[in-house]
Amino acid sequence: MREPAAAAAVRAILAILCFAIALASVSFAFAHADRVAAAGGFGPIVAALVSFLVFGIVGFFLLLRLRDARKPALASGVPREPYLPESGLAAGVYGLIPGAKYRVIRPITDCYGASFEAGEELTFVSRDYLPYHGGHTLVFRPRTMYLQDDENAGVLHALDTYLANV
């Protein structure tokens, strides 16, 4: 739930005030270090550094809370489930199931010119993706298919019209 604008403004002012006090504490410690050392006591310097840490940390957490309050809350209040691609050929190369057998129903030519003819049966082993080249490596038994995002876009976007479950 988002907090009201007035509460957010007060929290921002408090955070800035905490940082100002922290900086003033450090400047006091450095400005008076020689006089305090000459008097033989380091109590004021230690107090200044401790107040720097305390006010700095409080200011930091106030700013974190302000940042988190600005993030939109989930409408339902329930976190979303992680994305899991659907299985099956409708999901394209991401839905191929290791160990499953597929039959080529339309001829496919991969980016290296290897041709997979209609009626050929392939057993899927694994899939790799090279993001720099946009290449999908589909390891089947007995052969491997190499598909590029650009060259083989038609096959990648409609894999279910090229392969069928056996």
C-alpha atoms as a PDB file:
ATOM      1  CA  MET A   1       0.000   0.000   0.000  1.00  0.00           C
ATOM      2  CA  ARG A   2       1.362   3.407  -0.933  1.00  0.00           C
ATOM      3  CA  GLU A   3       1.888   5.927   1.801  1.00  0.00           C
ATOM      4  CA  PRO A   4       0.392   9.443   1.515  1.00  0.00           C
ATOM      5  CA  ALA A   5       2.497  12.151  -0.098  1.00  0.00           C
ATOM      6  CA  ALA A   6       2.774  14.098   3.178  1.00  0.00           C
ATOM      7  CA  ALA A   7       4.232  11.069   4.999  1.00  0.00           C
ATOM      8  CA  ALA A   8       6.695  10.506   2.166  1.00  0.00           C
ATOM      9  CA  ALA A   9       7.758  14.151   2.298  1.00  0.00           C
ATOM     10  CA  VAL A  10       8.280  13.977   6.063  1.00  0.00           C
ATOM     11  CA  ARG A  11      10.322  10.797   5.676  1.00  0.00           C
ATOM     12  CA  ALA A  12      12.484  12.442   2.974  1.00  0.00           C
ATOM     13  CA  ILE A  13      13.073  15.518   5.166  1.00  0.00           C
ATOM     14  CA  LEU A  14      14.013  13.289   8.129  1.00  0.00           C
ATOM     15  CA  ALA A  15      16.473  11.371   5.970  1.00  0.00           C
ATOM     16  CA  ILE A  16      18.090  14.587   4.744  1.00  0.00           C
ATOM     17  CA  LEU A  17      18.248  15.900   8.321  1.00  0.00           C
ATOM     18  CA  CYS A  18      19.921  12.677   9.492  1.00  0.00           C
ATOM     19  CA  PHE A  19      22.543  12.980   6.770  1.00  0.00           C
ATOM     20  CA  ALA A  20      23.125  16.645   7.639  1.00  0.00           C
ATOM     21  CA  ILE A  21      23.672  15.773  11.314  1.00  0.00           C
ATOM     22  CA  ALA A  22      26.011  12.946  10.300  1.00  0.00           C
ATOM     23  CA  LEU A  23      28.074  15.281   8.119  1.00  0.00           C
ATOM     24  CA  ALA A  24      28.141  17.941  10.826  1.00  0.00           C
ATOM     25  CA  SER A  25      29.400  15.332  13.311  1.00  0.00           C
ATOM     26  CA  VAL A  26      32.272  14.358  11.050  1.00  0.00           C
ATOM     27  CA  SER A  27      33.171  17.960  10.285  1.00  0.00           C
ATOM     28  CA  PHE A  28      33.207  18.704  14.032  1.00  0.00           C
ATOM     29  CA  ALA A  29      35.479  15.722  14.664  1.00  0.00           C
ATOM     30  CA  PHE A  30      37.988  16.812  12.037  1.00  0.00           C
ATOM     31  CA  ALA A  31      37.812  20.520  12.848  1.00  0.00           C
ATOM     32  CA  HIS A  32      38.489  20.052  16.556  1.00  0.00           C
ATOM     33  CA  ALA A  33      40.710  16.972  16.507  1.00  0.00           C
ATOM     34  CA  ASP A  34      43.920  18.912  17.155  1.00  0.00           C
ATOM     35  CA  ARG A  35      42.482  20.828  20.141  1.00  0.00           C
ATOM     36  CA  VAL A  36      40.895  17.728  21.667  1.00  0.00           C
ATOM     37  CA  ALA A  37      44.129  15.737  21.248  1.00  0.00           C
ATOM     38  CA  ALA A  38      46.130  18.544  22.896  1.00  0.00           C
ATOM     39  CA  ALA A  39      43.771  18.454  25.884  1.00  0.00           C
ATOM     40  CA  GLY A  40      44.386  14.721  26.184  1.00  0.00           C
ATOM     41  CA  GLY A  41      40.848  13.419  25.611  1.00  0.00           C
ATOM     42  CA  PHE A  42      39.229  11.856  22.569  1.00  0.00           C
ATOM     43  CA  GLY A  43      35.684  11.675  23.993  1.00  0.00           C
ATOM     44  CA  PRO A  44      34.202  14.406  21.748  1.00  0.00           C
ATOM     45  CA  ILE A  45      35.761  12.867  18.615  1.00  0.00           C
ATOM     46  CA  VAL A  46      34.454   9.404  19.470  1.00  0.00           C
ATOM     47  CA  ALA A  47      31.009  10.869  20.200  1.00  0.00           C
ATOM     48  CA  ALA A  48      31.045  12.709  16.858  1.00  0.00           C
ATOM     49  CA  LEU A  49      32.027   9.580  14.933  1.00  0.00           C
ATOM     50  CA  VAL A  50      29.424   7.460  16.720  1.00  0.00           C
ATOM     51  CA  SER A  51      26.726  10.032  15.965  1.00  0.00           C
ATOM     52  CA  PHE A  52      27.919  10.029  12.326  1.00  0.00           C
ATOM     53  CA  LEU A  53      27.411   6.265  12.153  1.00  0.00           C
ATOM     54  CA  VAL A  54      24.070   6.299  13.936  1.00  0.00           C
ATOM     55  CA  PHE A  55      22.540   9.188  11.978  1.00  0.00           C
ATOM     56  CA  GLY A  56      24.052   7.975   8.708  1.00  0.00           C
ATOM     57  CA  ILE A  57      22.554   4.517   9.120  1.00  0.00           C
ATOM     58  CA  VAL A  58      19.164   5.892  10.189  1.00  0.00           C
ATOM     59  CA  GLY A  59      19.151   8.253   7.201  1.00  0.00           C
ATOM     60  CA  PHE A  60      20.108   5.421   4.871  1.00  0.00           C
ATOM     61  CA  PHE A  61      17.268   3.207   6.083  1.00  0.00           C
ATOM     62  CA  LEU A  62      14.797   6.084   5.831  1.00  0.00           C
ATOM     63  CA  LEU A  63      15.798   6.566   2.206  1.00  0.00           C
ATOM     64  CA  LEU A  64      15.452   2.833   1.538  1.00  0.00           C
ATOM     65  CA  ARG A  65      11.973   2.844   3.032  1.00  0.00           C
ATOM     66  CA  LEU A  66      11.076   5.890   0.922  1.00  0.00           C
ATOM     67  CA  ARG A  67      12.348   4.126  -2.201  1.00  0.00           C
ATOM     68  CA  ASP A  68      10.394   0.970  -1.410  1.00  0.00           C
ATOM     69  CA  ALA A  69       7.215   2.958  -0.732  1.00  0.00           C
ATOM     70  CA  ARG A  70       7.359   4.336  -4.277  1.00  0.00           C
ATOM     71  CA  LYS A  71       7.388   0.878  -5.864  1.00  0.00           C
ATOM     72  CA  PRO A  72       3.958  -0.188  -7.044  1.00  0.00           C
ATOM     73  CA  ALA A  73       2.442  -2.890  -4.896  1.00  0.00           C
ATOM     74  CA  LEU A  74       1.047  -6.028  -6.459  1.00  0.00           C
ATOM     75  CA  ALA A  75      -2.668  -5.608  -7.094  1.00  0.00           C
ATOM     76  CA  SER A  76      -3.591  -8.928  -5.517  1.00  0.00           C
ATOM     77  CA  GLY A  77      -0.983  -8.789  -2.769  1.00  0.00           C
ATOM     78  CA  VAL A  78       0.175 -12.259  -3.833  1.00  0.00           C
ATOM     79  CA  PRO A  79       3.544 -12.618  -5.545  1.00  0.00           C
ATOM     80  CA  ARG A  80       3.456 -13.852  -9.115  1.00  0.00           C
ATOM     81  CA  GLU A  81       4.547 -17.369  -9.955  1.00  0.00           C
ATOM     82  CA  PRO A  82       7.826 -17.614 -11.859  1.00  0.00           C
ATOM     83  CA  TYR A  83       7.490 -17.966 -15.631  1.00  0.00           C
ATOM     84  CA  LEU A  84       7.714 -21.541 -16.762  1.00  0.00           C
ATOM     85  CA  PRO A  85       7.361 -22.132 -20.490  1.00  0.00           C
ATOM     86  CA  GLU A  86       4.600 -24.459 -21.531  1.00  0.00           C
ATOM     87  CA  SER A  87       5.707 -27.830 -22.744  1.00  0.00           C
ATOM     88  CA  GLY A  88       4.933 -29.027 -26.206  1.00  0.00           C
ATOM     89  CA  LEU A  89       5.622 -27.776 -29.697  1.00  0.00           C
ATOM     90  CA  ALA A  90       3.304 -24.762 -29.301  1.00  0.00           C
ATOM     91  CA  ALA A  91       6.013 -23.240 -27.068  1.00  0.00           C
ATOM     92  CA  GLY A  92       8.570 -23.543 -29.880  1.00  0.00           C
ATOM     93  CA  VAL A  93      12.104 -24.708 -29.095  1.00  0.00           C
ATOM     94  CA  TYR A  94      11.491 -24.013 -25.402  1.00  0.00           C
ATOM     95  CA  GLY A  95       8.787 -26.687 -25.224  1.00  0.00           C
ATOM     96  CA  LEU A  96      10.840 -29.565 -26.622  1.00  0.00           C
ATOM     97  CA  ILE A  97      10.983 -32.395 -24.091  1.00  0.00           C
ATOM     98  CA  PRO A  98      14.243 -34.310 -23.601  1.00  0.00           C
ATOM     99  CA  GLY A  99      13.822 -37.950 -24.593  1.00  0.00           C
ATOM    100  CA  ALA A 100      10.707 -37.257 -26.676  1.00  0.00           C
ATOM    101  CA  LYS A 101      10.565 -38.403 -30.298  1.00  0.00           C
ATOM    102  CA  TYR A 102       9.574 -35.990 -33.050  1.00  0.00           C
ATOM    103  CA  ARG A 103       8.827 -36.496 -36.748  1.00  0.00           C
ATOM    104  CA  VAL A 104       9.709 -33.858 -39.337  1.00  0.00           C
ATOM    105  CA  ILE A 105       6.479 -33.014 -41.192  1.00  0.00           C
ATOM    106  CA  ARG A 106       7.855 -30.182 -43.363  1.00  0.00           C
ATOM    107  CA  PRO A 107      11.432 -30.025 -44.639  1.00  0.00           C
ATOM    108  CA  ILE A 108      13.777 -27.878 -42.519  1.00  0.00           C
ATOM    109  CA  THR A 109      17.115 -26.436 -43.594  1.00  0.00           C
ATOM    110  CA  ASP A 110      19.236 -25.162 -40.720  1.00  0.00           C
ATOM    111  CA  CYS A 111      21.649 -22.218 -40.869  1.00  0.00           C
ATOM    112  CA  TYR A 112      24.556 -24.472 -41.946  1.00  0.00           C
ATOM    113  CA  GLY A 113      22.561 -25.888 -44.847  1.00  0.00           C
ATOM    114  CA  ALA A 114      21.839 -29.275 -43.252  1.00  0.00           C
ATOM    115  CA  SER A 115      18.509 -30.538 -44.461  1.00  0.00           C
ATOM    116  CA  PHE A 116      15.967 -32.438 -42.381  1.00  0.00           C
ATOM    117  CA  GLU A 117      13.491 -34.172 -44.698  1.00  0.00           C
ATOM    118  CA  ALA A 118       9.818 -34.905 -44.040  1.00  0.00           C
ATOM    119  CA  GLY A 119       9.287 -38.255 -42.315  1.00  0.00           C
ATOM    120  CA  GLU A 120      12.660 -38.216 -40.533  1.00  0.00           C
ATOM    121  CA  GLU A 121      12.422 -39.193 -36.853  1.00  0.00           C
ATOM    122  CA  LEU A 122      14.494 -37.353 -34.250  1.00  0.00           C
ATOM    123  CA  THR A 123      14.881 -37.923 -30.505  1.00  0.00           C
ATOM    124  CA  PHE A 124      15.384 -34.657 -28.623  1.00  0.00           C
ATOM    125  CA  VAL A 125      18.374 -34.578 -26.243  1.00  0.00           C
ATOM    126  CA  SER A 126      19.015 -30.921 -25.267  1.00  0.00           C
ATOM    127  CA  ARG A 127      18.883 -27.285 -26.317  1.00  0.00           C
ATOM    128  CA  ASP A 128      21.508 -24.559 -26.042  1.00  0.00           C
ATOM    129  CA  TYR A 129      21.283 -20.878 -26.923  1.00  0.00           C
ATOM    130  CA  LEU A 130      24.087 -18.497 -27.912  1.00  0.00           C
ATOM    131  CA  PRO A 131      22.719 -14.984 -27.278  1.00  0.00           C
ATOM    132  CA  TYR A 132      25.576 -13.186 -29.045  1.00  0.00           C
ATOM    133  CA  HIS A 133      24.801 -14.942 -32.321  1.00  0.00           C
ATOM    134  CA  GLY A 134      21.109 -15.560 -31.655  1.00  0.00           C
ATOM    135  CA  GLY A 135      21.621 -19.245 -32.317  1.00  0.00           C
ATOM    136  CA  HIS A 136      19.652 -22.201 -31.012  1.00  0.00           C
ATOM    137  CA  THR A 137      21.469 -25.528 -30.975  1.00  0.00           C
ATOM    138  CA  LEU A 138      18.945 -28.364 -30.870  1.00  0.00           C
ATOM    139  CA  VAL A 139      20.656 -31.654 -30.131  1.00  0.00           C
ATOM    140  CA  PHE A 140      18.688 -34.596 -31.498  1.00  0.00           C
ATOM    141  CA  ARG A 141      19.678 -38.189 -31.948  1.00  0.00           C
ATOM    142  CA  PRO A 142      21.065 -38.898 -34.558  1.00  0.00           C
ATOM    143  CA  ARG A 143      21.878 -35.283 -35.637  1.00  0.00           C
ATOM    144  CA  THR A 144      22.042 -31.714 -34.399  1.00  0.00           C
ATOM    145  CA  MET A 145      20.024 -28.798 -35.766  1.00  0.00           C
ATOM    146  CA  TYR A 146      21.370 -25.215 -35.706  1.00  0.00           C
ATOM    147  CA  LEU A 147      18.742 -22.470 -36.026  1.00  0.00           C
ATOM    148  CA  GLN A 148      19.453 -18.716 -36.079  1.00  0.00           C
ATOM    149  CA  ASP A 149      16.956 -16.115 -34.822  1.00  0.00           C
ATOM    150  CA  ASP A 150      17.225 -14.163 -38.095  1.00  0.00           C
ATOM    151  CA  GLU A 151      17.743 -16.816 -40.780  1.00  0.00           C
ATOM    152  CA  ASN A 152      15.349 -19.402 -39.384  1.00  0.00           C
ATOM    153  CA  ALA A 153      12.720 -17.156 -37.810  1.00  0.00           C
ATOM    154  CA  GLY A 154       9.910 -18.930 -39.671  1.00  0.00           C
ATOM    155  CA  VAL A 155      10.882 -22.303 -38.244  1.00  0.00           C
ATOM    156  CA  LEU A 156      11.474 -20.941 -34.725  1.00  0.00           C
ATOM    157  CA  HIS A 157       8.126 -19.133 -34.553  1.00  0.00           C
ATOM    158  CA  ALA A 158       6.084 -22.010 -35.967  1.00  0.00           C
ATOM    159  CA  LEU A 159       7.982 -25.112 -34.904  1.00  0.00           C
ATOM    160  CA  ASP A 160       4.724 -27.009 -34.429  1.00  0.00           C
ATOM    161  CA  THR A 161       4.160 -26.836 -38.208  1.00  0.00           C
ATOM    162  CA  TYR A 162       7.570 -28.413 -38.870  1.00  0.00           C
ATOM    163  CA  LEU A 163       7.752 -31.096 -36.149  1.00  0.00           C
ATOM    164  CA  ALA A 164       5.152 -33.424 -34.663  1.00  0.00           C
ATOM    165  CA  ASN A 165       5.214 -35.707 -31.638  1.00  0.00           C
ATOM    166  CA  VAL A 166       5.588 -39.378 -32.487  1.00  0.00           C
END
